[in-house]
Amino acid sequence: MRSTGINRVMFVATLAFLHDRVRGDTEVTCVVMESCVLPCKFHAGSDILIHWIDMTTGNIVHSYYYDKDQFKKQDQRFRNRTSLFKEQISRGNASLRLTRVETGDQGKYKCHSSTPEKEATSFVNLKVEDAAPVTSTSVLLSSTQLNFPTQGSVDGNPELTISCLSSEECVLPCQFASDGKGARVMWYKKKAVVSCTRYGNTSFVVGHNSPADKYKGRTDLYADQVLEGNASLVMRNVTPNDQGKYFCITMTAPRTDESGVITLVVKALVQEVDIESNGDSVTCRAGGIYPEPTLTWSTDPPTDTQLLQNQTKSQKNKFGFYDIQSSLRLTECDAANRTIICSVTSDTSEKRAFLKHEASILASPGSNAKVPCSLPPSTLQSFNLTWRFRPSDPILSISFTGQKSSVKVWDQWKPHVFNDPSAKRSLHLHNLKPEHQGTYTCEVRTPEETYITWTELTVGQDSEHIYIYVIIALCYFLCMSYGMVVFLSCKIRGLKKARRQEETSNQVTEVLDVAEGSENSQSVENTDEG
């Protein structure tokens, strides 16, 4: 177990200089000699490992594994200046607190977290500025009528932009000077109260502000860290409607602090692309995306895109996400000879769906059939495969993870399906019945793509009987043909024989006529002589 953790440390340190493809870096601005929070979230689990790495030098800023901090390989420049929010690690918070910020701390930082189930990597760009003179701002704490600037900074603190994914928790950082006795923390967006909470002795606070309904149940603070000066806000289930400028206001007995403007930018990746066949058209759809995506059609082998006539519609739902759908008119030639490809792209992600029509299959009742499935050309290590009938009725599902696989067959199909992992290539059906006639789909989903194979199965008369009928019909045809040939041959021979007899009769008649003529001539001559 311990060697595994050390190996992870060496692996991450070795890869620190490599360029990673990320969905968008978080921008954080901090002030010299003050504390700063570099936000980082991950999917919580067991055996957690966290590494913060300075991408400028490749050195480790902070490490955590075996359920404790590991300082053996930490860069000496960060010694005694870094910490994690320990009580929040189990909830997926890997944010780094950096104290006594120096000008040399400016740069890009990498947060790498992993569990046996999943790994995650994010980046934070840290900008360090000199302390600015404090300016006054009018705030009426007992009322929601707050006087906030529309742009720029508050109390000399610079503006901060935080990018969050809708599928993850979002942390808006806020630090303040705490006396460790009591504090009131308020978060606002424009004049709407996002969060308002008291900690410790807050007898100096008058009044209370209730959060707006749309934020209730979606926000938290790190309660065990507030009196240590951490007023960062955790937001869940963020939507594009949550985008905008936020302000953090903290009150302690001696003072009131305000954060700079924190601008929240929300992005929603393309999660899944669904594609299905509808007679002479193909429909592709995806939803819950932000900003607005684009949808394009193509084929394999390629065809002229101008021939791919489609109607595409994109609209925003009540949460601010975009849903997009497109229908493609398909010719019979296109459906039979090409794989149809639908691509949905946003500015941060892209996913594709493939649809292929296989040749129809004819089977007889009680017989077996093998329905094909088209897998991606590259070998996949992990994916999910589902066989369906007509096409919402599930038949069989297979989950592949590395060399392991698990198979599930729905009860009504168990008498007709061979249960084995080879179903990823084809579905083996047996003891077919007429009610099994219809459309079969093989659906393969990977993290980036979806593959659908569409096959029509016809369960008709017993194929052996059909063959017998065909043979009998063929024999009958041959016999009739042979009989006709014999009849015609006999007829022709009869006609030829009759013609020859007629010709012979005519010749005999001519000979007799000649002989009779000769006899008549001799008789006349004898009469004359007498």
Protein backbone atom coordinates (compact mmCIF):
# COMPACT_ATOMS: atom_id res chain seq x y z
CA MET A 1 0.00 0.00 0.00
CA ARG A 2 2.79 2.46 0.98
CA SER A 3 4.85 1.72 -2.15
CA THR A 4 1.78 2.48 -4.25
CA GLY A 5 1.50 5.97 -2.76
CA ILE A 6 5.23 6.67 -3.31
CA ASN A 7 4.98 5.48 -6.90
CA ARG A 8 2.06 7.87 -7.42
CA VAL A 9 4.21 10.73 -6.09
CA MET A 10 7.04 9.96 -8.52
CA PHE A 11 4.61 9.51 -11.40
CA VAL A 12 2.92 12.88 -10.84
CA ALA A 13 6.23 14.69 -10.34
CA THR A 14 7.60 13.21 -13.57
CA LEU A 15 4.56 14.31 -15.56
CA ALA A 16 4.40 17.79 -14.09
CA PHE A 17 5.91 19.41 -17.18
CA LEU A 18 3.62 17.69 -19.63
CA HIS A 19 0.88 19.70 -21.26
CA ASP A 20 -2.58 18.51 -20.26
CA ARG A 21 -5.79 19.17 -22.15
CA VAL A 22 -8.14 20.88 -19.69
CA ARG A 23 -11.63 22.21 -19.80
CA GLY A 24 -10.62 25.72 -18.67
CA ASP A 25 -8.19 27.08 -16.03
CA THR A 26 -9.36 28.90 -12.91
CA GLU A 27 -8.01 32.43 -12.55
CA VAL A 28 -7.16 33.52 -8.99
CA THR A 29 -5.66 36.85 -7.92
CA CYS A 30 -4.05 37.21 -4.49
CA VAL A 31 -2.35 40.01 -2.57
CA VAL A 32 1.23 39.90 -1.28
CA MET A 33 1.57 38.70 2.35
CA GLU A 34 -2.09 37.68 2.60
CA SER A 35 -3.72 34.23 2.53
CA CYS A 36 -5.10 32.79 -0.67
CA VAL A 37 -7.23 29.77 -1.62
CA LEU A 38 -6.57 27.84 -4.84
CA PRO A 39 -9.86 25.97 -5.49
CA CYS A 40 -9.94 22.32 -6.53
CA LYS A 41 -12.76 19.76 -6.44
CA PHE A 42 -12.77 16.02 -7.17
CA HIS A 43 -15.08 12.99 -6.94
CA ALA A 44 -14.65 11.76 -3.39
CA GLY A 45 -13.83 8.15 -2.61
CA SER A 46 -11.49 5.96 -0.60
CA ASP A 47 -7.66 5.92 -0.62
CA ILE A 48 -7.50 9.60 -1.63
CA LEU A 49 -4.34 11.07 -3.12
CA ILE A 50 -3.87 14.82 -3.70
CA HIS A 51 -0.89 16.60 -5.27
CA TRP A 52 -0.47 20.32 -5.86
CA ILE A 53 2.36 21.05 -8.31
CA ASP A 54 4.01 24.31 -9.36
CA MET A 55 3.96 24.06 -13.16
CA THR A 56 6.70 26.70 -13.47
CA THR A 57 9.30 24.59 -11.65
CA GLY A 58 7.67 21.17 -11.64
CA ASN A 59 8.12 20.97 -7.86
CA ILE A 60 5.53 19.61 -5.45
CA VAL A 61 3.75 22.31 -3.47
CA HIS A 62 1.69 20.03 -1.25
CA SER A 63 0.93 16.29 -1.09
CA TYR A 64 -1.67 14.29 0.77
CA TYR A 65 -2.05 10.49 0.90
CA TYR A 66 -2.36 7.72 3.49
CA ASP A 67 -4.91 10.07 5.14
CA LYS A 68 -2.30 12.67 6.08
CA ASP A 69 -0.07 15.42 4.68
CA GLN A 70 3.24 14.31 3.14
CA PHE A 71 6.01 16.92 3.27
CA LYS A 72 9.06 14.83 2.36
CA LYS A 73 9.13 15.96 -1.28
CA GLN A 74 7.63 19.43 -0.75
CA ASP A 75 9.45 22.39 -2.28
CA GLN A 76 11.21 24.20 0.59
CA ARG A 77 9.87 27.53 -0.67
CA PHE A 78 6.34 26.47 0.36
CA ARG A 79 7.31 24.93 3.72
CA ASN A 80 4.87 25.92 6.51
CA ARG A 81 2.80 28.00 4.06
CA THR A 82 0.35 25.41 2.67
CA SER A 83 -2.57 23.44 4.07
CA LEU A 84 -5.68 21.58 2.93
CA PHE A 85 -9.17 21.75 4.38
CA LYS A 86 -8.91 18.34 6.06
CA GLU A 87 -12.53 18.06 7.17
CA GLN A 88 -13.69 18.66 3.61
CA ILE A 89 -11.39 16.25 1.75
CA SER A 90 -13.82 13.36 2.19
CA ARG A 91 -16.45 15.53 0.49
CA GLY A 92 -14.28 16.15 -2.57
CA ASN A 93 -12.59 19.43 -1.59
CA ALA A 94 -8.89 19.48 -2.50
CA SER A 95 -8.53 23.29 -2.32
CA LEU A 96 -5.11 24.57 -1.22
CA ARG A 97 -4.69 27.38 1.31
CA LEU A 98 -1.52 29.37 0.67
CA THR A 99 -0.44 31.83 3.39
CA ARG A 100 2.01 34.75 3.30
CA VAL A 101 1.74 34.97 -0.47
CA GLU A 102 4.93 36.07 -2.25
CA THR A 103 5.45 37.68 -5.63
CA GLY A 104 7.36 34.58 -6.70
CA ASP A 105 4.26 32.44 -6.10
CA GLN A 106 2.67 33.81 -9.26
CA GLY A 107 2.22 31.20 -11.99
CA LYS A 108 0.29 28.10 -12.97
CA TYR A 109 -0.55 25.35 -10.47
CA LYS A 110 -1.77 21.84 -11.10
CA CYS A 111 -4.18 20.01 -8.79
CA HIS A 112 -4.08 16.25 -9.32
CA SER A 113 -6.41 14.05 -7.27
CA SER A 114 -7.16 10.37 -7.52
CA THR A 115 -9.03 7.50 -5.93
CA PRO A 116 -9.10 3.84 -7.01
CA GLU A 117 -12.24 4.69 -8.98
CA LYS A 118 -11.31 7.94 -10.73
CA GLU A 119 -8.63 10.55 -11.37
CA ALA A 120 -9.05 14.30 -11.92
CA THR A 121 -6.76 17.14 -12.96
CA SER A 122 -7.40 20.88 -12.90
CA PHE A 123 -5.29 24.01 -13.20
CA VAL A 124 -5.23 27.35 -11.38
CA ASN A 125 -3.50 30.46 -12.71
CA LEU A 126 -2.34 32.52 -9.73
CA LYS A 127 -1.70 36.23 -10.14
CA VAL A 128 -0.03 38.08 -7.28
CA GLU A 129 -0.49 41.83 -6.79
CA ASP A 130 0.88 44.32 -4.31
CA ALA A 131 -1.40 45.46 -1.51
CA ALA A 132 -3.63 48.36 -2.58
CA PRO A 133 -4.81 51.20 -0.37
CA VAL A 134 -8.11 50.55 1.39
CA THR A 135 -11.10 52.51 0.21
CA SER A 136 -14.43 52.77 1.96
CA THR A 137 -17.67 51.23 0.78
CA SER A 138 -21.12 51.86 2.19
CA VAL A 139 -22.89 48.67 3.32
CA LEU A 140 -26.14 48.46 5.28
CA LEU A 141 -25.83 45.04 6.91
CA SER A 142 -29.32 44.87 8.38
CA SER A 143 -31.02 45.25 5.03
CA THR A 144 -30.88 43.71 1.59
CA GLN A 145 -30.45 47.20 0.12
CA LEU A 146 -26.69 46.99 -0.38
CA ASN A 147 -24.60 49.52 -2.26
CA PHE A 148 -22.28 47.45 -4.45
CA PRO A 149 -20.10 48.71 -7.30
CA THR A 150 -21.14 47.40 -10.71
CA GLN A 151 -17.58 46.72 -11.80
CA GLY A 152 -13.99 46.94 -10.65
CA SER A 153 -13.05 46.05 -7.08
CA VAL A 154 -14.20 46.42 -3.49
CA ASP A 155 -11.82 47.64 -0.77
CA GLY A 156 -8.98 47.55 -3.27
CA ASN A 157 -9.33 43.82 -3.85
CA PRO A 158 -9.04 42.85 -7.53
CA GLU A 159 -11.77 41.14 -9.50
CA LEU A 160 -11.64 37.34 -9.62
CA THR A 161 -13.13 35.05 -12.27
CA ILE A 162 -14.10 31.48 -11.38
CA SER A 163 -15.12 28.93 -14.04
CA CYS A 164 -17.24 26.00 -12.90
CA LEU A 165 -18.84 22.97 -14.51
CA SER A 166 -22.52 22.43 -13.92
CA SER A 167 -21.90 18.78 -13.01
CA GLU A 168 -19.52 19.62 -10.16
CA GLU A 169 -19.48 21.62 -6.95
CA CYS A 170 -18.25 25.17 -7.33
CA VAL A 171 -16.09 27.03 -4.78
CA LEU A 172 -16.09 30.84 -4.64
CA PRO A 173 -13.05 31.73 -2.49
CA CYS A 174 -13.18 34.34 0.27
CA GLN A 175 -10.62 34.96 3.02
CA PHE A 176 -10.82 37.42 5.92
CA ALA A 177 -8.99 38.38 9.10
CA SER A 178 -10.73 36.46 11.89
CA ASP A 179 -10.34 36.98 15.62
CA GLY A 180 -11.35 33.37 16.20
CA LYS A 181 -14.31 34.35 18.37
CA GLY A 182 -17.23 35.12 16.10
CA ALA A 183 -18.07 36.10 12.53
CA ARG A 184 -20.99 36.75 10.24
CA VAL A 185 -20.58 35.72 6.59
CA MET A 186 -22.85 37.00 3.84
CA TRP A 187 -22.75 36.29 0.13
CA TYR A 188 -24.65 38.42 -2.36
CA LYS A 189 -25.31 38.43 -6.08
CA LYS A 190 -26.42 41.92 -7.02
CA LYS A 191 -28.95 42.56 -4.22
CA ALA A 192 -30.06 38.95 -3.80
CA VAL A 193 -28.88 37.15 -0.67
CA VAL A 194 -27.08 33.92 -1.56
CA SER A 195 -26.00 32.90 1.95
CA CYS A 196 -26.08 34.51 5.40
CA THR A 197 -24.68 32.62 8.40
CA ARG A 198 -23.36 33.39 11.89
CA TYR A 199 -20.50 31.54 13.61
CA GLY A 200 -19.44 31.79 17.27
CA ASN A 201 -20.21 34.93 19.27
CA THR A 202 -22.06 37.34 17.00
CA SER A 203 -23.76 39.53 19.58
CA PHE A 204 -22.35 42.53 17.72
CA VAL A 205 -24.53 41.76 14.66
CA VAL A 206 -27.97 43.33 14.28
CA GLY A 207 -30.58 41.88 11.92
CA HIS A 208 -30.56 38.85 9.64
CA ASN A 209 -30.87 38.30 5.92
CA SER A 210 -32.54 35.17 4.51
CA PRO A 211 -31.21 33.61 1.28
CA ALA A 212 -33.30 33.91 -1.86
CA ASP A 213 -35.39 30.81 -2.58
CA LYS A 214 -33.37 29.82 -5.65
CA TYR A 215 -30.23 29.41 -3.51
CA LYS A 216 -31.77 27.53 -0.58
CA GLY A 217 -30.34 24.04 -0.18
CA ARG A 218 -27.62 24.67 -2.77
CA THR A 219 -24.95 26.49 -0.77
CA ASP A 220 -22.61 25.71 2.11
CA LEU A 221 -19.59 27.18 3.86
CA TYR A 222 -16.72 25.28 5.42
CA ALA A 223 -18.18 25.64 8.90
CA ASP A 224 -15.09 24.33 10.69
CA GLN A 225 -12.87 26.81 8.82
CA VAL A 226 -14.87 30.04 9.12
CA LEU A 227 -13.38 31.16 12.44
CA GLU A 228 -9.96 30.48 10.90
CA GLY A 229 -10.69 33.05 8.20
CA ASN A 230 -12.13 30.91 5.39
CA ALA A 231 -15.52 32.18 4.18
CA SER A 232 -15.42 30.39 0.81
CA LEU A 233 -18.84 29.51 -0.59
CA VAL A 234 -19.63 26.05 -1.98
CA MET A 235 -22.39 26.01 -4.61
CA ARG A 236 -24.02 22.86 -5.95
CA ASN A 237 -26.05 22.22 -9.10
CA VAL A 238 -24.95 25.48 -10.68
CA THR A 239 -26.69 26.53 -13.90
CA PRO A 240 -26.03 29.26 -16.48
CA ASN A 241 -28.61 31.35 -14.62
CA ASP A 242 -26.18 31.46 -11.67
CA GLN A 243 -23.58 33.32 -13.72
CA GLY A 244 -22.71 36.83 -12.63
CA LYS A 245 -20.89 38.88 -10.02
CA TYR A 246 -20.79 37.76 -6.38
CA PHE A 247 -19.64 39.57 -3.24
CA CYS A 248 -18.46 38.13 0.09
CA ILE A 249 -18.97 40.30 3.18
CA THR A 250 -17.61 39.25 6.58
CA MET A 251 -18.16 40.88 9.98
CA THR A 252 -16.10 40.38 13.09
CA ALA A 253 -16.22 42.42 16.29
CA PRO A 254 -13.57 44.91 15.27
CA ARG A 255 -14.13 45.18 11.52
CA THR A 256 -16.07 44.51 8.33
CA ASP A 257 -14.33 43.03 5.28
CA GLU A 258 -15.52 42.78 1.71
CA SER A 259 -14.13 40.64 -1.07
CA GLY A 260 -13.49 41.90 -4.54
CA VAL A 261 -15.90 41.14 -7.33
CA ILE A 262 -16.04 37.39 -7.94
CA THR A 263 -17.39 36.64 -11.40
CA LEU A 264 -18.83 33.16 -11.84
CA VAL A 265 -18.73 31.60 -15.31
CA VAL A 266 -20.65 28.34 -15.76
CA LYS A 267 -20.00 25.78 -18.45
CA ALA A 268 -21.88 22.56 -19.18
CA LEU A 269 -20.13 19.92 -21.26
CA VAL A 270 -21.75 17.73 -23.88
CA GLN A 271 -22.67 14.68 -21.79
CA GLU A 272 -24.40 12.35 -24.26
CA VAL A 273 -25.49 12.39 -27.90
CA ASP A 274 -28.47 10.21 -28.82
CA ILE A 275 -29.18 9.07 -32.37
CA GLU A 276 -32.05 6.97 -33.71
CA SER A 277 -33.62 5.92 -37.00
CA ASN A 278 -37.19 6.91 -37.87
CA GLY A 279 -38.10 5.35 -41.20
CA ASP A 280 -36.63 7.58 -43.90
CA SER A 281 -34.96 9.97 -41.42
CA VAL A 282 -32.41 9.96 -38.60
CA THR A 283 -32.80 12.09 -35.45
CA CYS A 284 -29.91 13.31 -33.30
CA ARG A 285 -30.26 15.18 -30.00
CA ALA A 286 -28.28 16.39 -26.99
CA GLY A 287 -29.23 18.53 -24.00
CA GLY A 288 -28.07 20.43 -20.93
CA ILE A 289 -25.19 22.21 -22.70
CA TYR A 290 -23.71 25.68 -22.22
CA PRO A 291 -22.67 27.77 -24.08
CA GLU A 292 -24.76 27.11 -27.21
CA PRO A 293 -23.48 24.07 -29.15
CA THR A 294 -23.38 23.27 -32.86
CA LEU A 295 -24.57 20.06 -34.54
CA THR A 296 -23.15 18.69 -37.80
CA TRP A 297 -23.84 15.61 -39.95
CA SER A 298 -21.37 13.46 -41.89
CA THR A 299 -21.07 9.91 -43.22
CA ASP A 300 -18.51 7.15 -43.52
CA PRO A 301 -17.59 6.70 -46.36
CA PRO A 302 -17.86 10.47 -46.87
CA THR A 303 -20.58 12.01 -48.99
CA ASP A 304 -21.32 15.52 -50.21
CA THR A 305 -22.50 17.44 -47.13
CA GLN A 306 -24.86 19.48 -49.34
CA LEU A 307 -26.82 16.28 -49.96
CA LEU A 308 -27.35 15.79 -46.21
CA GLN A 309 -30.59 17.74 -45.94
CA ASN A 310 -31.43 18.37 -42.28
CA GLN A 311 -33.43 20.58 -39.97
CA THR A 312 -31.68 21.67 -36.76
CA LYS A 313 -33.23 23.47 -33.80
CA SER A 314 -31.48 24.80 -30.68
CA GLN A 315 -33.31 26.36 -27.75
CA LYS A 316 -32.57 27.45 -24.19
CA ASN A 317 -34.47 25.85 -21.30
CA LYS A 318 -35.60 27.53 -18.07
CA PHE A 319 -32.25 26.84 -16.37
CA GLY A 320 -30.26 28.50 -19.14
CA PHE A 321 -28.94 25.28 -20.70
CA TYR A 322 -29.21 24.63 -24.43
CA ASP A 323 -31.02 21.62 -25.93
CA ILE A 324 -30.32 20.85 -29.59
CA GLN A 325 -32.03 18.46 -32.03
CA SER A 326 -31.67 17.74 -35.74
CA SER A 327 -33.45 15.47 -38.25
CA LEU A 328 -31.68 14.19 -41.36
CA ARG A 329 -33.58 12.95 -44.40
CA LEU A 330 -32.04 9.75 -45.63
CA THR A 331 -32.13 7.95 -48.97
CA GLU A 332 -32.25 4.17 -49.09
CA CYS A 333 -28.78 4.14 -50.61
CA ASP A 334 -27.32 6.22 -47.79
CA ALA A 335 -28.93 4.04 -45.13
CA ALA A 336 -27.68 0.78 -46.63
CA ASN A 337 -24.12 1.70 -47.53
CA ARG A 338 -22.94 4.34 -45.05
CA THR A 339 -22.50 4.97 -41.35
CA ILE A 340 -24.32 8.15 -40.32
CA ILE A 341 -22.35 10.41 -37.93
CA CYS A 342 -23.79 13.18 -35.75
CA SER A 343 -21.33 15.53 -33.97
CA VAL A 344 -22.31 17.95 -31.19
CA THR A 345 -19.67 20.53 -30.26
CA SER A 346 -19.43 23.27 -27.63
CA ASP A 347 -16.43 25.49 -26.95
CA THR A 348 -15.06 23.05 -24.38
CA SER A 349 -16.14 19.58 -25.50
CA GLU A 350 -17.32 17.43 -28.39
CA LYS A 351 -19.11 14.10 -28.63
CA ARG A 352 -20.30 12.02 -31.57
CA ALA A 353 -22.91 9.37 -32.29
CA PHE A 354 -22.74 6.78 -35.08
CA LEU A 355 -25.67 4.94 -36.68
CA LYS A 356 -25.28 1.96 -39.02
CA HIS A 357 -28.04 -0.05 -40.74
CA GLU A 358 -27.22 -3.74 -41.18
CA ALA A 359 -28.83 -6.03 -43.75
CA SER A 360 -32.20 -7.51 -42.77
CA ILE A 361 -32.29 -11.04 -41.34
CA LEU A 362 -34.88 -13.73 -42.22
CA ALA A 363 -35.46 -16.54 -39.72
CA SER A 364 -38.10 -19.19 -39.15
CA PRO A 365 -39.99 -19.97 -35.90
CA GLY A 366 -37.96 -22.12 -33.52
CA SER A 367 -34.69 -21.39 -35.30
CA ASN A 368 -31.60 -19.38 -34.24
CA ALA A 369 -30.32 -16.02 -35.46
CA LYS A 370 -27.17 -13.93 -35.00
CA VAL A 371 -27.73 -10.15 -34.96
CA PRO A 372 -24.49 -8.17 -35.65
CA CYS A 373 -23.11 -5.24 -33.64
CA SER A 374 -20.67 -2.66 -35.05
CA LEU A 375 -17.95 -1.76 -32.55
CA PRO A 376 -15.57 1.21 -32.87
CA PRO A 377 -12.50 0.57 -35.04
CA SER A 378 -10.14 1.09 -32.09
CA THR A 379 -9.90 -1.31 -29.18
CA LEU A 380 -11.82 -0.08 -26.14
CA GLN A 381 -10.77 -0.75 -22.56
CA SER A 382 -13.97 0.40 -20.89
CA PHE A 383 -17.46 0.85 -22.32
CA ASN A 384 -21.11 -0.09 -21.80
CA LEU A 385 -23.13 -2.08 -24.34
CA THR A 386 -26.90 -2.53 -24.40
CA TRP A 387 -29.04 -4.62 -26.75
CA ARG A 388 -32.62 -3.39 -27.23
CA PHE A 389 -35.74 -4.51 -29.06
CA ARG A 390 -38.12 -2.07 -30.84
CA PRO A 391 -35.92 -0.15 -29.57
CA SER A 392 -36.94 0.68 -25.96
CA ASP A 393 -37.21 -2.88 -24.62
CA PRO A 394 -33.83 -3.87 -23.08
CA ILE A 395 -32.58 -7.38 -23.82
CA LEU A 396 -29.03 -7.60 -22.53
CA SER A 397 -26.39 -5.25 -21.12
CA ILE A 398 -22.64 -5.70 -20.77
CA SER A 399 -20.23 -3.50 -18.83
CA PHE A 400 -16.54 -3.76 -19.76
CA THR A 401 -13.82 -2.42 -17.45
CA GLY A 402 -10.34 -3.41 -18.51
CA GLN A 403 -10.27 -7.20 -18.70
CA LYS A 404 -13.40 -7.61 -16.58
CA SER A 405 -16.97 -7.73 -17.80
CA SER A 406 -20.42 -8.18 -16.27
CA VAL A 407 -23.48 -9.39 -18.19
CA LYS A 408 -27.15 -8.87 -17.39
CA VAL A 409 -30.04 -10.46 -19.32
CA TRP A 410 -33.61 -9.29 -18.74
CA ASP A 411 -35.89 -12.09 -17.50
CA GLN A 412 -38.29 -12.22 -20.45
CA TRP A 413 -35.36 -12.73 -22.83
CA LYS A 414 -33.45 -15.41 -20.90
CA PRO A 415 -35.11 -18.31 -22.82
CA HIS A 416 -34.02 -16.76 -26.11
CA VAL A 417 -30.54 -15.28 -25.49
CA PHE A 418 -27.18 -17.00 -25.10
CA ASN A 419 -25.59 -15.36 -22.03
CA ASP A 420 -21.92 -14.76 -22.80
CA PRO A 421 -19.55 -11.78 -23.31
CA SER A 422 -19.38 -12.51 -27.06
CA ALA A 423 -22.62 -10.52 -27.28
CA LYS A 424 -20.42 -7.44 -27.74
CA ARG A 425 -19.94 -8.59 -31.34
CA SER A 426 -23.33 -10.15 -32.02
CA LEU A 427 -26.53 -11.13 -30.24
CA HIS A 428 -27.19 -14.89 -30.39
CA LEU A 429 -30.94 -15.59 -30.33
CA HIS A 430 -32.52 -19.04 -30.22
CA ASN A 431 -36.00 -20.57 -30.16
CA LEU A 432 -37.38 -17.59 -32.06
CA LYS A 433 -41.09 -16.83 -32.14
CA PRO A 434 -43.17 -14.58 -34.43
CA GLU A 435 -43.40 -11.95 -31.66
CA HIS A 436 -39.60 -11.57 -31.86
CA GLN A 437 -39.93 -9.99 -35.27
CA GLY A 438 -38.90 -6.33 -35.33
CA THR A 439 -35.97 -3.93 -34.90
CA TYR A 440 -32.89 -4.81 -32.83
CA THR A 441 -30.38 -2.15 -31.78
CA CYS A 442 -26.90 -2.52 -30.34
CA GLU A 443 -25.88 0.56 -28.34
CA VAL A 444 -22.22 1.03 -27.39
CA ARG A 445 -21.36 4.03 -25.21
CA THR A 446 -17.85 5.29 -24.46
CA PRO A 447 -16.86 8.49 -22.63
CA GLU A 448 -16.65 10.30 -25.97
CA GLU A 449 -18.84 8.47 -28.50
CA THR A 450 -22.00 6.42 -29.01
CA TYR A 451 -22.37 3.64 -31.61
CA ILE A 452 -25.80 2.36 -32.67
CA THR A 453 -26.32 -0.66 -34.95
CA TRP A 454 -29.83 -1.06 -36.39
CA THR A 455 -31.03 -4.46 -37.73
CA GLU A 456 -34.46 -5.69 -38.88
CA LEU A 457 -35.32 -9.32 -38.06
CA THR A 458 -38.21 -11.08 -39.82
CA VAL A 459 -39.56 -14.30 -38.31
CA GLY A 460 -41.59 -16.03 -41.08
CA GLN A 461 -42.52 -19.57 -42.16
CA ASP A 462 -40.19 -22.45 -41.52
CA SER A 463 -37.32 -22.00 -43.91
CA GLU A 464 -37.09 -25.79 -44.52
CA HIS A 465 -40.69 -25.83 -45.74
CA ILE A 466 -39.96 -22.88 -47.94
CA TYR A 467 -37.06 -24.77 -49.50
CA ILE A 468 -39.32 -27.79 -50.13
CA TYR A 469 -41.93 -25.60 -51.76
CA VAL A 470 -39.28 -24.05 -53.95
CA ILE A 471 -37.92 -27.46 -54.98
CA ILE A 472 -41.40 -28.82 -55.76
CA ALA A 473 -42.23 -25.75 -57.80
CA LEU A 474 -38.95 -26.05 -59.65
CA CYS A 475 -39.52 -29.76 -60.37
CA TYR A 476 -43.05 -29.03 -61.56
CA PHE A 477 -41.74 -26.32 -63.83
CA LEU A 478 -39.04 -28.63 -65.22
CA CYS A 479 -41.53 -31.46 -65.77
CA MET A 480 -43.97 -29.17 -67.51
CA SER A 481 -41.19 -27.77 -69.62
CA TYR A 482 -39.96 -31.26 -70.52
CA GLY A 483 -43.49 -32.42 -71.36
CA MET A 484 -44.02 -29.40 -73.56
CA VAL A 485 -40.74 -30.07 -75.34
CA VAL A 486 -41.68 -33.73 -75.92
CA PHE A 487 -45.15 -32.76 -77.15
CA LEU A 488 -43.76 -30.20 -79.54
CA SER A 489 -41.15 -32.66 -80.81
CA CYS A 490 -43.79 -35.30 -81.48
CA LYS A 491 -46.00 -32.76 -83.17
CA ILE A 492 -43.18 -31.61 -85.39
CA ARG A 493 -42.23 -35.19 -86.29
CA GLY A 494 -45.90 -35.94 -87.13
CA LEU A 495 -46.11 -32.93 -89.37
CA LYS A 496 -42.90 -33.87 -91.14
CA LYS A 497 -44.11 -37.48 -91.64
CA ALA A 498 -47.46 -36.32 -93.02
CA ARG A 499 -45.69 -33.97 -95.38
CA ARG A 500 -43.41 -36.74 -96.63
CA GLN A 501 -46.40 -39.05 -97.18
CA GLU A 502 -48.18 -36.34 -99.11
CA GLU A 503 -45.13 -35.76 -101.28
CA THR A 504 -44.79 -39.52 -101.96
CA SER A 505 -48.48 -39.78 -102.85
CA ASN A 506 -48.13 -36.92 -105.29
CA GLN A 507 -45.15 -38.59 -106.96
CA VAL A 508 -47.05 -41.90 -107.33
CA THR A 509 -50.01 -40.06 -108.82
CA GLU A 510 -47.76 -38.37 -111.36
CA VAL A 511 -46.20 -41.72 -112.36
CA LEU A 512 -49.60 -43.32 -112.79
CA ASP A 513 -50.79 -40.42 -114.86
CA VAL A 514 -47.77 -40.75 -117.16
CA ALA A 515 -48.26 -44.50 -117.51
CA GLU A 516 -51.93 -44.07 -118.25
CA GLY A 517 -51.13 -41.51 -120.91
CA SER A 518 -48.73 -43.88 -122.62
CA GLU A 519 -51.27 -46.66 -122.72
CA ASN A 520 -53.88 -44.38 -124.28
CA SER A 521 -51.45 -43.34 -127.01
CA GLN A 522 -50.65 -46.95 -127.96
CA SER A 523 -54.37 -47.77 -128.11
CA VAL A 524 -55.06 -44.94 -130.56
CA GLU A 525 -52.19 -46.01 -132.80
CA ASN A 526 -53.49 -49.60 -132.97
CA THR A 527 -56.96 -48.37 -133.93
CA ASP A 528 -55.59 -46.31 -136.79
CA GLU A 529 -53.67 -49.25 -138.17
CA GLY A 530 -56.78 -51.46 -138.20
